């Protein structure tokens, strides 16, 4: 089935299901209100002497509680349907161009030390990160940013991620369910600091020690005393004094209890969401080793004394404790629950027990979940592009890149123009008219290489490359605060490439309009020197320029640099581009035409 049709079908089915559930929700609200009113009226009738009133009132109350429970389940189901509908719409947004309005851009991952993030549009508005990201937690987004790196990891690691992301992409229904369940988590949520905080937490304080030891016995005594009052005439002051003693003990231990239970305030709203995600992951039996290993973490099949604890069960127990803790946040509930049951002592003891057991595994579960979020994001190109293929990662230290029909993921499918590439350890000079596609082509190769190294499918008929560190000088600007001109900023970028070249590691260098920040004479001299430094067997360098003089350069020892170009043509006095790479140097220009279009030059 066509990928877009699949998500459109899911969108319609989910929207219809949500509409039906909404109608049932309205009816349940009405019936619940009527049942409550009926209970009040029936009990009032019983109070007025009608024998049937109490029986009917109890029946209405039972019906009311049943409807409340049913309504709660329906509301939770509606939330799940709504989240899955949002996920389907998010996938469609990638296909229809609306993804550029998504709020998570990864702009916070941009840094001066890695200009490739801006140059290749890896992070920021309309970036690879914005297109890919389905991660909901802060850690999941950090993992996605880590793998979208211009410095590739080992070939084995890349292929393992590629296989796992590919398996996710082949099961569109599972990917949609996972994306929907992730939306139930608070945006940019981060449980990892909590995992670090609770690890090894110990209780202190005499009051807590007393309350913990007597938390079962002390609540029973007042009830026994109350029974004695009813049967043997024991003064009522006795049970009430014992309840007061329980409350006093709880107040005495409140400081220790509060310190132990404080983490619950940070996580109570998120736990049920995590539980739903983990249940789905535990129930899925993957084939790729990467996903199999992650699932073993969730099922508690890792080595160690906590082996056998499922992640969903551990978080369900914590969610139960957290919900009971929230009940007693109300001051009246605090007084009653602690006076009658020493509730805080039970919660604190239960939470500490959870920490000593499942709590030890929490950081491992979270790390595994972050990996899953990253892999789901890497599956997005294969889920949303009709043209996609798994890149081939070559072995060896010779920089090589071969592509057929490579498109930019950031250009909407149908508008993008595919281009080929077949390069191996050489310098390539690309010329062409303004707006003809030089920079887009270079960015496409660089950003697609980043996608390939991350482990994602790429928008190309085929894409093959070796491991290369990627360096760029594309979107260069001055910095008045540091006294750096545009030309000097370019020099710093090129110097970084030259210094890296001395290490002998395979490199992919992308330089746009080399040394455009200075005069033509100095630009030619500087460009020749830079290209000479980068013309080495372990470097694949792309240089775009308007200076035709660079097309005649010779590399070291007379090595010929290859020339390619983009060109325009005119139809009915209008400029047109085909955005196709062609061999040889460019022979046309369009600057004067564009100046006339802008009204800067007078028409002839």
Protein backbone atom coordinates (compact mmCIF):
# COMPACT_ATOMS: atom_id res chain seq x y z
CA UNK A 1 0.00 0.00 0.00
CA UNK A 2 1.19 3.52 -0.82
CA UNK A 3 2.62 5.03 2.37
CA UNK A 4 0.57 8.21 2.17
CA UNK A 5 -2.64 6.23 1.56
CA UNK A 6 -1.89 4.09 4.64
CA UNK A 7 -1.59 7.10 6.95
CA UNK A 8 -4.58 8.84 5.37
CA UNK A 9 -6.64 5.68 5.96
CA UNK A 10 -5.45 5.53 9.56
CA UNK A 11 -6.25 9.22 10.01
CA UNK A 12 -9.83 8.71 8.80
CA UNK A 13 -10.40 5.55 10.88
CA UNK A 14 -9.02 7.16 14.03
CA UNK A 15 -11.02 10.33 13.45
CA UNK A 16 -14.22 8.27 12.98
CA UNK A 17 -13.49 6.19 16.09
CA UNK A 18 -12.85 9.33 18.10
CA UNK A 19 -16.12 10.83 16.89
CA UNK A 20 -18.08 7.71 17.93
CA UNK A 21 -16.34 7.66 21.30
CA UNK A 22 -17.25 11.31 21.79
CA UNK A 23 -20.94 10.53 21.32
CA UNK A 24 -20.72 7.70 23.85
CA UNK A 25 -18.88 10.06 26.19
CA UNK A 26 -21.76 12.55 26.03
CA UNK A 27 -24.31 9.82 26.75
CA UNK A 28 -22.29 8.46 29.66
CA UNK A 29 -22.00 11.94 31.14
CA UNK A 30 -25.78 12.30 30.97
CA UNK A 31 -26.47 8.83 32.42
CA UNK A 32 -23.95 9.37 35.19
CA UNK A 33 -25.63 12.65 36.17
CA UNK A 34 -29.06 11.04 36.10
CA UNK A 35 -27.86 8.11 38.24
CA UNK A 36 -26.46 10.52 40.82
CA UNK A 37 -29.65 12.58 40.91
CA UNK A 38 -31.68 9.37 41.15
CA UNK A 39 -29.58 8.21 44.12
CA UNK A 40 -30.11 11.52 45.94
CA UNK A 41 -33.87 11.51 45.31
CA UNK A 42 -34.26 7.84 46.27
CA UNK A 43 -32.30 8.25 49.51
CA UNK A 44 -34.36 11.34 50.32
CA UNK A 45 -37.50 9.28 49.75
CA UNK A 46 -36.19 6.63 52.11
CA UNK A 47 -35.48 9.31 54.71
CA UNK A 48 -39.08 10.49 54.31
CA UNK A 49 -40.36 7.02 55.19
CA UNK A 50 -40.73 5.29 51.85
CA UNK A 51 -39.39 1.77 52.39
CA UNK A 52 -38.21 1.33 48.80
CA UNK A 53 -36.12 4.51 48.92
CA UNK A 54 -32.96 3.16 50.53
CA UNK A 55 -32.84 0.09 48.32
CA UNK A 56 -33.33 2.17 45.20
CA UNK A 57 -30.78 4.71 46.42
CA UNK A 58 -28.13 2.01 46.90
CA UNK A 59 -28.92 0.61 43.44
CA UNK A 60 -28.54 4.06 41.88
CA UNK A 61 -25.24 4.58 43.74
CA UNK A 62 -23.91 1.25 42.44
CA UNK A 63 -24.99 2.27 38.93
CA UNK A 64 -23.36 5.66 39.39
CA UNK A 65 -20.02 4.10 40.45
CA UNK A 66 -20.18 1.66 37.52
CA UNK A 67 -20.76 4.55 35.09
CA UNK A 68 -17.95 6.58 36.63
CA UNK A 69 -15.57 3.64 36.13
CA UNK A 70 -16.80 3.05 32.57
CA UNK A 71 -16.52 6.75 31.79
CA UNK A 72 -12.95 6.82 33.07
CA UNK A 73 -11.97 3.90 30.83
CA UNK A 74 -13.62 5.61 27.86
CA UNK A 75 -11.78 8.87 28.51
CA UNK A 76 -8.46 7.03 28.63
CA UNK A 77 -9.30 5.26 25.37
CA UNK A 78 -10.22 8.61 23.79
CA UNK A 79 -6.86 10.02 24.87
CA UNK A 80 -5.08 7.07 23.22
CA UNK A 81 -7.10 7.52 20.02
CA UNK A 82 -6.40 11.25 20.03
CA UNK A 83 -2.64 10.71 20.47
CA UNK A 84 -2.56 8.13 17.68
CA UNK A 85 -4.50 10.50 15.43
CA UNK A 86 -1.93 13.22 16.15
CA UNK A 87 0.84 10.77 15.29
CA UNK A 88 -0.82 9.90 11.95
CA UNK A 89 -1.13 13.60 11.20
CA UNK A 90 2.53 14.09 12.09
CA UNK A 91 3.57 11.42 9.57
CA UNK A 92 1.34 13.02 6.94
CA UNK A 93 2.88 16.41 7.72
CA UNK A 94 6.23 15.00 6.57
CA UNK A 95 4.64 13.99 3.29
CA UNK A 96 2.66 17.16 2.68
CA UNK A 97 5.15 19.85 3.73
CA UNK A 98 3.61 20.76 7.08
CA UNK A 99 6.56 19.39 9.08
CA UNK A 100 8.31 22.77 8.94
CA UNK A 101 5.75 24.04 11.46
CA UNK A 102 6.47 21.31 14.00
CA UNK A 103 7.75 22.78 17.27
CA UNK A 104 10.81 20.55 17.88
CA UNK A 105 13.61 21.89 15.67
CA UNK A 106 16.74 20.79 17.55
CA UNK A 107 18.01 24.37 17.48
CA UNK A 108 19.45 23.83 20.97
CA UNK A 109 21.92 21.35 19.48
CA UNK A 110 23.56 23.93 17.21
CA UNK A 111 27.05 24.86 18.38
CA UNK A 112 29.99 26.87 17.01
CA UNK A 113 32.34 23.90 17.30
CA UNK A 114 30.28 21.99 14.74
CA UNK A 115 29.21 24.39 11.98
CA UNK A 116 28.06 21.38 9.94
CA UNK A 117 24.86 21.45 12.01
CA UNK A 118 23.90 24.78 10.42
CA UNK A 119 25.65 24.37 7.06
CA UNK A 120 23.93 21.06 6.25
CA UNK A 121 20.66 21.99 7.99
CA UNK A 122 21.05 19.15 10.48
CA UNK A 123 19.58 21.21 13.32
CA UNK A 124 17.32 24.27 13.46
CA UNK A 125 14.29 25.41 11.52
CA UNK A 126 13.53 23.25 8.44
CA UNK A 127 16.29 20.80 9.41
CA UNK A 128 16.88 17.06 9.34
CA UNK A 129 16.24 16.93 13.08
CA UNK A 130 12.87 18.67 12.73
CA UNK A 131 11.85 16.29 9.94
CA UNK A 132 12.96 13.14 11.75
CA UNK A 133 12.24 13.72 15.41
CA UNK A 134 9.50 11.60 16.99
CA UNK A 135 11.39 11.41 20.28
CA UNK A 136 9.35 12.76 23.18
CA UNK A 137 11.84 12.60 26.04
CA UNK A 138 14.83 14.88 26.45
CA UNK A 139 17.15 11.87 26.43
CA UNK A 140 15.62 10.49 23.24
CA UNK A 141 16.18 13.81 21.47
CA UNK A 142 19.77 13.92 22.71
CA UNK A 143 20.36 10.41 21.32
CA UNK A 144 18.96 11.46 17.95
CA UNK A 145 21.24 14.51 17.95
CA UNK A 146 24.20 12.27 18.84
CA UNK A 147 23.74 9.98 15.84
CA UNK A 148 23.14 12.88 13.41
CA UNK A 149 26.85 13.51 13.53
CA UNK A 150 29.30 14.57 10.79
CA UNK A 151 31.81 12.20 12.37
CA UNK A 152 30.60 8.63 11.77
CA UNK A 153 30.83 5.77 14.22
CA UNK A 154 32.02 2.29 13.26
CA UNK A 155 30.53 0.56 10.24
CA UNK A 156 29.18 -2.23 12.48
CA UNK A 157 27.32 0.25 14.72
CA UNK A 158 25.81 2.05 11.73
CA UNK A 159 24.63 -1.18 10.11
CA UNK A 160 23.09 -2.38 13.39
CA UNK A 161 21.06 0.83 13.69
CA UNK A 162 20.17 0.66 10.01
CA UNK A 163 18.77 -2.85 10.42
CA UNK A 164 16.77 -1.89 13.53
CA UNK A 165 15.34 1.30 12.01
CA UNK A 166 14.50 -0.62 8.83
CA UNK A 167 12.58 -3.24 10.82
CA UNK A 168 10.56 -0.49 12.51
CA UNK A 169 9.81 1.14 9.16
CA UNK A 170 8.48 -2.10 7.69
CA UNK A 171 5.79 -2.34 10.39
CA UNK A 172 3.89 0.89 9.82
CA UNK A 173 1.11 -0.04 12.23
CA UNK A 174 3.58 -0.64 15.08
CA UNK A 175 5.42 2.60 14.29
CA UNK A 176 2.14 4.53 14.42
CA UNK A 177 1.12 2.94 17.74
CA UNK A 178 4.54 3.69 19.25
CA UNK A 179 4.48 7.29 18.05
CA UNK A 180 0.98 7.73 19.50
CA UNK A 181 1.94 6.27 22.88
CA UNK A 182 5.02 8.48 23.05
CA UNK A 183 2.75 11.51 22.70
CA UNK A 184 1.20 10.58 26.06
CA UNK A 185 4.52 11.52 27.69
CA UNK A 186 5.06 15.15 28.75
CA UNK A 187 6.97 17.08 26.10
CA UNK A 188 10.77 16.95 26.58
CA UNK A 189 10.33 14.93 29.77
CA UNK A 190 13.44 13.69 31.54
CA UNK A 191 13.31 10.96 34.18
CA UNK A 192 17.05 10.33 34.18
CA UNK A 193 17.86 12.90 36.92
CA UNK A 194 15.25 11.18 39.08
CA UNK A 195 16.88 7.80 38.40
CA UNK A 196 20.19 9.22 39.58
CA UNK A 197 18.57 10.86 42.58
CA UNK A 198 16.76 7.83 43.95
CA UNK A 199 19.63 5.41 43.44
CA UNK A 200 20.79 4.41 46.89
CA UNK A 201 18.46 6.80 48.74
CA UNK A 202 18.16 5.84 52.42
CA UNK A 203 15.68 6.97 55.05
CA UNK A 204 16.80 8.70 58.23
CA UNK A 205 15.05 9.83 61.39
CA UNK A 206 13.78 8.21 64.56
CA UNK A 207 10.14 9.09 63.85
CA UNK A 208 10.25 7.32 60.49
CA UNK A 209 11.93 4.27 62.06
CA UNK A 210 9.18 4.03 64.68
CA UNK A 211 6.41 4.58 62.14
CA UNK A 212 7.87 2.00 59.78
CA UNK A 213 8.07 -0.71 62.46
CA UNK A 214 4.60 0.00 63.83
CA UNK A 215 2.77 0.98 60.62
CA UNK A 216 0.58 -2.12 60.72
CA UNK A 217 0.01 -2.39 64.46
CA UNK A 218 -0.76 1.24 65.33
CA UNK A 219 -3.68 1.67 62.87
CA UNK A 220 -5.34 -1.50 64.22
CA UNK A 221 -5.38 -0.39 67.89
CA UNK A 222 -7.91 2.48 67.53
CA UNK A 223 -10.32 0.19 65.69
CA UNK A 224 -10.03 -2.43 68.45
CA UNK A 225 -10.60 0.31 71.02
CA UNK A 226 -13.65 1.51 69.06
CA UNK A 227 -14.99 -2.06 69.06
CA UNK A 228 -14.42 -2.15 72.82
CA UNK A 229 -16.35 1.10 73.19
CA UNK A 230 -19.32 -0.32 71.30
CA UNK A 231 -19.30 -3.69 73.05
CA UNK A 232 -17.84 -3.16 76.52
CA UNK A 233 -18.39 0.53 77.12
CA UNK A 234 -14.75 1.59 76.79
CA UNK A 235 -14.67 5.40 76.72
CA UNK A 236 -14.71 6.80 73.17
CA UNK A 237 -11.83 9.05 74.13
CA UNK A 238 -9.52 6.02 73.90
CA UNK A 239 -9.88 5.26 70.14
CA UNK A 240 -9.90 8.97 69.31
CA UNK A 241 -6.73 9.48 71.40
CA UNK A 242 -5.04 6.63 69.53
CA UNK A 243 -6.00 8.14 66.18
CA UNK A 244 -4.58 11.42 67.42
CA UNK A 245 -1.38 9.60 68.37
CA UNK A 246 -1.09 8.20 64.83
CA UNK A 247 -1.55 11.68 63.38
CA UNK A 248 1.03 13.13 65.77
CA UNK A 249 3.53 10.43 64.80
CA UNK A 250 2.91 11.17 61.10
CA UNK A 251 3.46 14.89 61.68
CA UNK A 252 6.66 14.12 63.59
CA UNK A 253 7.95 12.03 60.68
CA UNK A 254 6.62 14.42 58.01
CA UNK A 255 10.06 15.83 57.21
CA UNK A 256 11.60 12.43 56.49
CA UNK A 257 8.49 11.27 54.66
CA UNK A 258 8.49 14.39 52.53
CA UNK A 259 12.14 13.92 51.56
CA UNK A 260 11.57 10.28 50.62
CA UNK A 261 8.37 10.91 48.67
CA UNK A 262 9.34 14.21 46.99
CA UNK A 263 10.37 12.52 43.69
CA UNK A 264 6.79 11.32 43.23
CA UNK A 265 5.62 14.88 42.70
CA UNK A 266 7.93 15.12 39.68
CA UNK A 267 6.83 11.91 37.97
CA UNK A 268 3.23 11.13 38.87
CA UNK A 269 1.79 12.75 35.73
CA UNK A 270 4.07 10.77 33.41
CA UNK A 271 4.18 7.22 34.76
CA UNK A 272 1.06 5.82 33.08
CA UNK A 273 2.38 7.13 29.75
CA UNK A 274 5.69 5.35 30.22
CA UNK A 275 3.86 2.18 31.22
CA UNK A 276 1.87 2.17 27.97
CA UNK A 277 4.97 2.59 25.82
CA UNK A 278 6.83 -0.16 27.68
CA UNK A 279 3.91 -2.60 27.42
CA UNK A 280 3.91 -2.16 23.63
CA UNK A 281 7.68 -2.69 23.41
CA UNK A 282 7.56 -5.76 25.65
CA UNK A 283 4.86 -7.33 23.48
CA UNK A 284 6.73 -6.82 20.20
CA UNK A 285 9.09 -9.64 19.20
CA UNK A 286 11.77 -8.06 17.00
CA UNK A 287 14.29 -9.79 14.72
CA UNK A 288 17.17 -7.31 14.50
CA UNK A 289 19.83 -7.87 17.21
CA UNK A 290 19.74 -4.20 18.22
CA UNK A 291 16.00 -4.31 19.01
CA UNK A 292 16.24 -7.79 20.54
CA UNK A 293 18.84 -6.51 23.00
CA UNK A 294 16.71 -3.46 23.89
CA UNK A 295 13.67 -5.66 24.50
CA UNK A 296 15.71 -7.83 26.85
CA UNK A 297 16.20 -4.75 29.02
CA UNK A 298 12.46 -4.13 29.14
CA UNK A 299 11.71 -7.77 29.96
CA UNK A 300 14.31 -7.88 32.72
CA UNK A 301 16.37 -10.53 30.93
CA UNK A 302 19.70 -8.79 31.49
CA UNK A 303 22.31 -10.15 33.85
CA UNK A 304 22.25 -9.29 37.55
CA UNK A 305 20.18 -9.76 40.67
CA UNK A 306 17.28 -7.71 39.29
CA UNK A 307 16.83 -10.15 36.42
CA UNK A 308 13.16 -10.97 35.81
CA UNK A 309 11.63 -7.57 36.59
CA UNK A 310 9.64 -6.24 33.64
CA UNK A 311 9.87 -2.51 33.04
CA UNK A 312 6.09 -2.09 32.68
CA UNK A 313 5.45 -3.94 35.95
CA UNK A 314 8.05 -1.89 37.78
CA UNK A 315 6.55 1.38 36.59
CA UNK A 316 3.01 0.15 37.26
CA UNK A 317 3.92 -0.43 40.91
CA UNK A 318 5.49 3.00 41.08
CA UNK A 319 2.42 4.55 39.43
CA UNK A 320 0.18 2.93 42.05
CA UNK A 321 2.29 4.38 44.86
CA UNK A 322 2.32 7.75 43.15
CA UNK A 323 -1.46 7.86 42.72
CA UNK A 324 -2.00 7.02 46.40
CA UNK A 325 0.50 9.72 47.29
CA UNK A 326 -1.47 12.26 45.27
CA UNK A 327 -4.69 11.35 47.09
CA UNK A 328 -3.20 12.44 50.41
CA UNK A 329 -1.95 15.80 49.07
CA UNK A 330 -5.24 17.35 50.15
CA UNK A 331 -4.93 18.51 53.78
CA UNK A 332 -8.15 16.77 54.85
CA UNK A 333 -7.07 13.53 53.16
CA UNK A 334 -3.65 13.85 54.83
CA UNK A 335 -5.23 14.08 58.29
CA UNK A 336 -7.71 11.24 57.78
CA UNK A 337 -5.41 8.81 55.96
CA UNK A 338 -2.54 9.25 58.39
CA UNK A 339 -4.73 9.18 61.51
CA UNK A 340 -6.55 6.06 60.35
CA UNK A 341 -3.84 4.16 58.45
CA UNK A 342 -0.41 5.88 58.85
CA UNK A 343 -0.54 6.28 55.07
CA UNK A 344 2.74 8.24 54.72
CA UNK A 345 4.66 5.50 56.50
CA UNK A 346 3.27 2.86 54.16
CA UNK A 347 4.03 5.00 51.09
CA UNK A 348 7.57 5.80 52.21
CA UNK A 349 8.35 2.18 53.03
CA UNK A 350 6.83 1.05 49.71
CA UNK A 351 8.77 3.63 47.73
CA UNK A 352 12.08 2.70 49.36
CA UNK A 353 11.38 -0.97 48.68
CA UNK A 354 10.66 -0.12 45.04
CA UNK A 355 13.94 1.77 44.81
CA UNK A 356 15.92 -1.17 46.14
CA UNK A 357 14.30 -3.44 43.55
CA UNK A 358 12.95 -1.98 40.33
CA UNK A 359 14.53 1.42 41.03
CA UNK A 360 17.97 -0.01 40.31
CA UNK A 361 16.85 -0.80 36.76
CA UNK A 362 15.17 2.53 36.05
CA UNK A 363 18.17 4.18 34.39
CA UNK A 364 18.67 1.09 32.18
CA UNK A 365 15.02 1.11 31.12
CA UNK A 366 15.19 4.82 30.33
CA UNK A 367 18.38 4.43 28.30
CA UNK A 368 16.79 1.61 26.30
CA UNK A 369 13.65 3.71 25.73
CA UNK A 370 15.77 6.61 24.46
CA UNK A 371 17.36 4.23 21.95
CA UNK A 372 13.89 3.18 20.77
CA UNK A 373 12.85 6.83 20.32
CA UNK A 374 16.00 7.47 18.30
CA UNK A 375 15.39 4.40 16.10
CA UNK A 376 11.75 5.39 15.47
CA UNK A 377 12.97 8.80 14.33
CA UNK A 378 15.53 7.18 12.01
CA UNK A 379 12.71 5.08 10.51
CA UNK A 380 10.83 8.22 9.42
CA UNK A 381 12.38 8.63 5.91
CA UNK A 382 11.45 5.05 5.01
CA UNK A 383 7.95 5.61 6.43
CA UNK A 384 7.27 8.90 4.66
CA UNK A 385 9.14 8.85 1.32
CA UNK A 386 8.08 6.67 -1.59
CA UNK A 387 11.65 6.90 -2.87
CA UNK A 388 13.95 5.56 -0.18
CA UNK A 389 16.77 3.06 0.01
CA UNK A 390 19.17 1.72 2.58
CA UNK A 391 22.64 3.16 1.97
CA UNK A 392 25.59 0.86 1.44
CA UNK A 393 28.52 1.57 3.75
CA UNK A 394 31.80 0.57 2.12
CA UNK A 395 34.81 -0.66 4.00
CA UNK A 396 38.27 0.82 3.49
CA UNK A 397 39.99 4.17 3.91
CA UNK A 398 39.51 5.53 0.40
CA UNK A 399 36.80 8.27 0.40
CA UNK A 400 34.14 7.18 -2.07
CA UNK A 401 30.61 8.33 -2.81
CA UNK A 402 28.27 6.94 -5.44
CA UNK A 403 24.58 7.85 -5.76
CA UNK A 404 21.72 7.45 -8.19
CA UNK A 405 18.73 9.80 -8.00
CA UNK A 406 19.77 11.36 -4.68
CA UNK A 407 17.27 13.94 -3.38
CA UNK A 408 17.26 16.24 -0.38
CA UNK A 409 15.03 15.02 2.44
CA UNK A 410 14.26 18.67 3.17
CA UNK A 411 12.63 19.28 -0.24
CA UNK A 412 9.10 17.93 -0.60
CA UNK A 413 8.89 14.72 -2.59
CA UNK A 414 7.64 15.50 -6.08
CA UNK A 415 9.46 18.84 -6.09
CA UNK A 416 12.93 17.45 -5.40
CA UNK A 417 15.16 16.72 -8.39
CA UNK A 418 17.33 13.63 -8.11
CA UNK A 419 20.99 13.74 -9.05
CA UNK A 420 23.78 11.23 -9.31
CA UNK A 421 27.32 11.13 -7.98
CA UNK A 422 30.37 8.96 -8.57
CA UNK A 423 33.47 10.30 -6.86
CA UNK A 424 36.55 8.82 -5.26
CA UNK A 425 39.28 10.72 -3.39
CA UNK A 426 39.35 13.83 -5.58
CA UNK A 427 38.57 17.53 -5.72
CA UNK A 428 35.47 18.55 -7.66
CA UNK A 429 34.90 22.10 -8.88
CA UNK A 430 31.21 22.92 -9.39
CA UNK A 431 30.26 26.03 -11.36
CA UNK A 432 26.89 27.35 -12.41
CA UNK A 433 24.59 30.31 -12.58
CA UNK A 434 22.91 31.82 -9.54
CA UNK A 435 20.05 29.65 -8.16
CA UNK A 436 20.96 26.79 -10.52
CA UNK A 437 21.44 24.25 -7.72
CA UNK A 438 25.17 24.17 -6.85
CA UNK A 439 24.79 24.65 -3.09
CA UNK A 440 21.68 22.46 -2.89
CA UNK A 441 23.54 19.62 -4.59
CA UNK A 442 26.47 19.87 -2.23
CA UNK A 443 24.19 20.10 0.80
CA UNK A 444 22.19 17.12 -0.45
CA UNK A 445 25.28 14.93 -0.61
CA UNK A 446 26.52 16.11 2.80
CA UNK A 447 23.20 15.82 4.64
CA UNK A 448 22.40 12.47 3.01
CA UNK A 449 25.79 11.20 4.18
CA UNK A 450 24.86 12.28 7.73
CA UNK A 451 21.56 10.39 7.40
CA UNK A 452 23.39 7.32 6.12
CA UNK A 453 25.86 7.40 9.03
CA UNK A 454 22.98 7.72 11.49
CA UNK A 455 21.47 4.49 10.16
CA UNK A 456 18.43 5.91 8.34
CA UNK A 457 17.12 5.14 4.88
CA UNK A 458 17.88 7.94 2.41
CA UNK A 459 15.81 9.52 -0.39
CA UNK A 460 17.73 8.06 -3.33
CA UNK A 461 17.47 5.17 -5.77
CA UNK A 462 20.81 4.06 -4.38
CA UNK A 463 23.45 5.63 -2.15
CA UNK A 464 26.87 4.14 -1.42
CA UNK A 465 29.72 5.69 0.51
CA UNK A 466 32.70 4.98 2.71
CA UNK A 467 33.22 6.37 6.21
CA UNK A 468 34.38 10.01 6.03
CA UNK A 469 34.54 12.85 8.52
CA UNK A 470 32.46 15.72 7.11
CA UNK A 471 33.72 19.31 7.17
CA UNK A 472 31.83 22.28 5.73
CA UNK A 473 32.17 25.96 4.88
CA UNK A 474 28.77 26.94 3.52
CA UNK A 475 26.69 29.25 5.70
CA UNK A 476 29.52 31.50 6.88
CA UNK A 477 28.92 34.92 8.44
CA UNK A 478 30.87 37.57 10.28
CA UNK A 479 30.86 38.03 14.06
CA UNK A 480 31.06 41.66 15.16
CA UNK A 481 31.30 40.74 18.84
CA UNK A 482 34.54 38.85 18.15
CA UNK A 483 35.81 41.14 15.42
CA UNK A 484 35.67 38.37 12.81
CA UNK A 485 34.91 39.29 9.20
CA UNK A 486 33.22 36.96 6.75
CA UNK A 487 36.51 36.33 4.96
CA UNK A 488 38.33 35.52 8.21
CA UNK A 489 35.47 33.23 9.26
CA UNK A 490 35.92 31.37 5.96
CA UNK A 491 39.66 31.15 6.57
CA UNK A 492 39.02 29.55 9.97
CA UNK A 493 36.75 26.94 8.42
CA UNK A 494 39.24 26.06 5.68
CA UNK A 495 42.12 26.01 8.17
CA UNK A 496 40.13 23.49 10.25
CA UNK A 497 39.89 21.27 7.15
CA UNK A 498 43.61 21.59 6.37
CA UNK A 499 44.57 20.74 9.96
CA UNK A 500 42.22 17.75 9.96
CA UNK A 501 43.73 16.61 6.65
CA UNK A 502 47.09 16.13 8.38
CA UNK A 503 45.61 13.31 10.48
CA UNK A 504 45.12 11.19 7.37
CA UNK A 505 41.50 10.22 8.14
CA UNK A 506 39.11 10.01 5.15
CA UNK A 507 37.28 13.33 4.76
CA UNK A 508 34.37 14.83 2.86
CA UNK A 509 34.80 18.60 2.48
CA UNK A 510 32.05 20.92 1.21
CA UNK A 511 33.04 24.53 0.46
CA UNK A 512 30.46 26.92 -1.00
CA UNK A 513 31.62 29.96 -3.01
CA UNK A 514 35.15 29.64 -1.74
CA UNK A 515 36.48 32.86 -0.16
CA UNK A 516 33.52 34.90 -1.39
CA UNK A 517 34.22 37.41 1.38
CA UNK A 518 37.22 39.02 -0.31
CA UNK A 519 38.24 40.64 -3.64
CA UNK A 520 38.55 38.56 -6.79
CA UNK A 521 42.36 38.69 -7.03
CA UNK A 522 42.94 37.53 -3.46
CA UNK A 523 40.09 35.04 -3.78
CA UNK A 524 41.74 33.28 -6.72
CA UNK A 525 45.11 33.11 -4.97
CA UNK A 526 43.60 31.85 -1.72
CA UNK A 527 41.30 29.37 -3.44
CA UNK A 528 44.17 27.86 -5.45
CA UNK A 529 46.23 27.39 -2.28
CA UNK A 530 43.32 25.87 -0.35
CA UNK A 531 42.35 23.48 -3.15
CA UNK A 532 45.97 22.41 -3.48
CA UNK A 533 46.08 21.59 0.27
CA UNK A 534 42.85 19.58 0.07
CA UNK A 535 43.70 17.65 -3.09
CA UNK A 536 44.85 14.48 -1.36
CA UNK A 537 43.94 10.81 -1.87
CA UNK A 538 42.11 10.60 1.47
CA UNK A 539 39.91 13.67 0.80
CA UNK A 540 36.81 14.05 -1.33
CA UNK A 541 36.31 17.81 -1.71
CA UNK A 542 33.43 19.69 -3.35
CA UNK A 543 34.06 23.38 -4.11
CA UNK A 544 31.45 25.63 -5.71
CA UNK A 545 32.58 28.86 -7.33
CA UNK A 546 31.75 31.58 -9.85
CA UNK A 547 35.44 31.99 -10.68
CA UNK A 548 36.07 30.14 -13.92
CA UNK A 549 39.82 30.49 -13.35
CA UNK A 550 39.56 27.68 -10.79
CA UNK A 551 38.35 25.27 -13.46
CA UNK A 552 41.85 25.17 -14.96
CA UNK A 553 43.63 24.23 -11.74
CA UNK A 554 45.88 21.22 -11.52
CA UNK A 555 46.21 19.22 -8.34
CA UNK A 556 49.49 18.07 -6.79
CA UNK A 557 51.78 16.31 -9.26
CA UNK A 558 49.63 17.47 -12.16
CA UNK A 559 46.46 15.75 -10.93
CA UNK A 560 43.50 17.08 -12.91
CA UNK A 561 40.55 18.41 -10.94
CA UNK A 562 37.15 17.35 -12.24
CA UNK A 563 34.66 19.97 -13.32
CA UNK A 564 30.87 19.79 -13.11
CA UNK A 565 28.21 22.43 -13.54
CA UNK A 566 24.55 23.42 -13.38
CA UNK A 567 23.00 25.65 -16.00
CA UNK A 568 19.85 27.54 -16.90
CA UNK A 569 17.86 28.04 -20.06
CA UNK A 570 15.27 30.57 -21.19
CA UNK A 571 11.71 30.04 -22.32
CA UNK A 572 9.50 32.94 -23.39
CA UNK A 573 11.99 35.37 -21.89
CA UNK A 574 11.82 33.55 -18.56
CA UNK A 575 14.70 31.86 -16.81
CA UNK A 576 14.31 28.13 -16.15
CA UNK A 577 16.46 25.57 -14.31
CA UNK A 578 16.53 21.80 -14.58
CA UNK A 579 18.78 21.42 -11.45
CA UNK A 580 20.65 18.55 -13.10
CA UNK A 581 24.39 18.07 -12.63
CA UNK A 582 26.38 18.02 -15.87
CA UNK A 583 30.01 17.32 -16.61
CA UNK A 584 32.39 20.11 -17.54
CA UNK A 585 32.50 23.77 -16.65
CA UNK A 586 29.59 26.19 -16.85
CA UNK A 587 29.42 28.38 -19.97
CA UNK A 588 26.46 30.58 -19.05
CA UNK A 589 25.67 33.33 -16.52
CA UNK A 590 22.41 34.87 -15.37
CA UNK A 591 23.41 37.68 -13.01
CA UNK A 592 22.50 40.47 -15.46
CA UNK A 593 19.13 38.87 -16.15
CA UNK A 594 18.38 38.65 -12.44
CA UNK A 595 19.48 42.26 -11.91
CA UNK A 596 17.05 43.37 -14.61
CA UNK A 597 14.28 41.28 -13.05
CA UNK A 598 14.92 43.05 -9.74
CA UNK A 599 14.78 46.45 -11.44
CA UNK A 600 18.40 47.27 -10.63
CA UNK A 601 19.59 47.24 -14.26
CA UNK A 602 17.40 48.94 -16.87
CA UNK A 603 15.87 46.66 -19.50
CA UNK A 604 17.50 46.71 -22.92
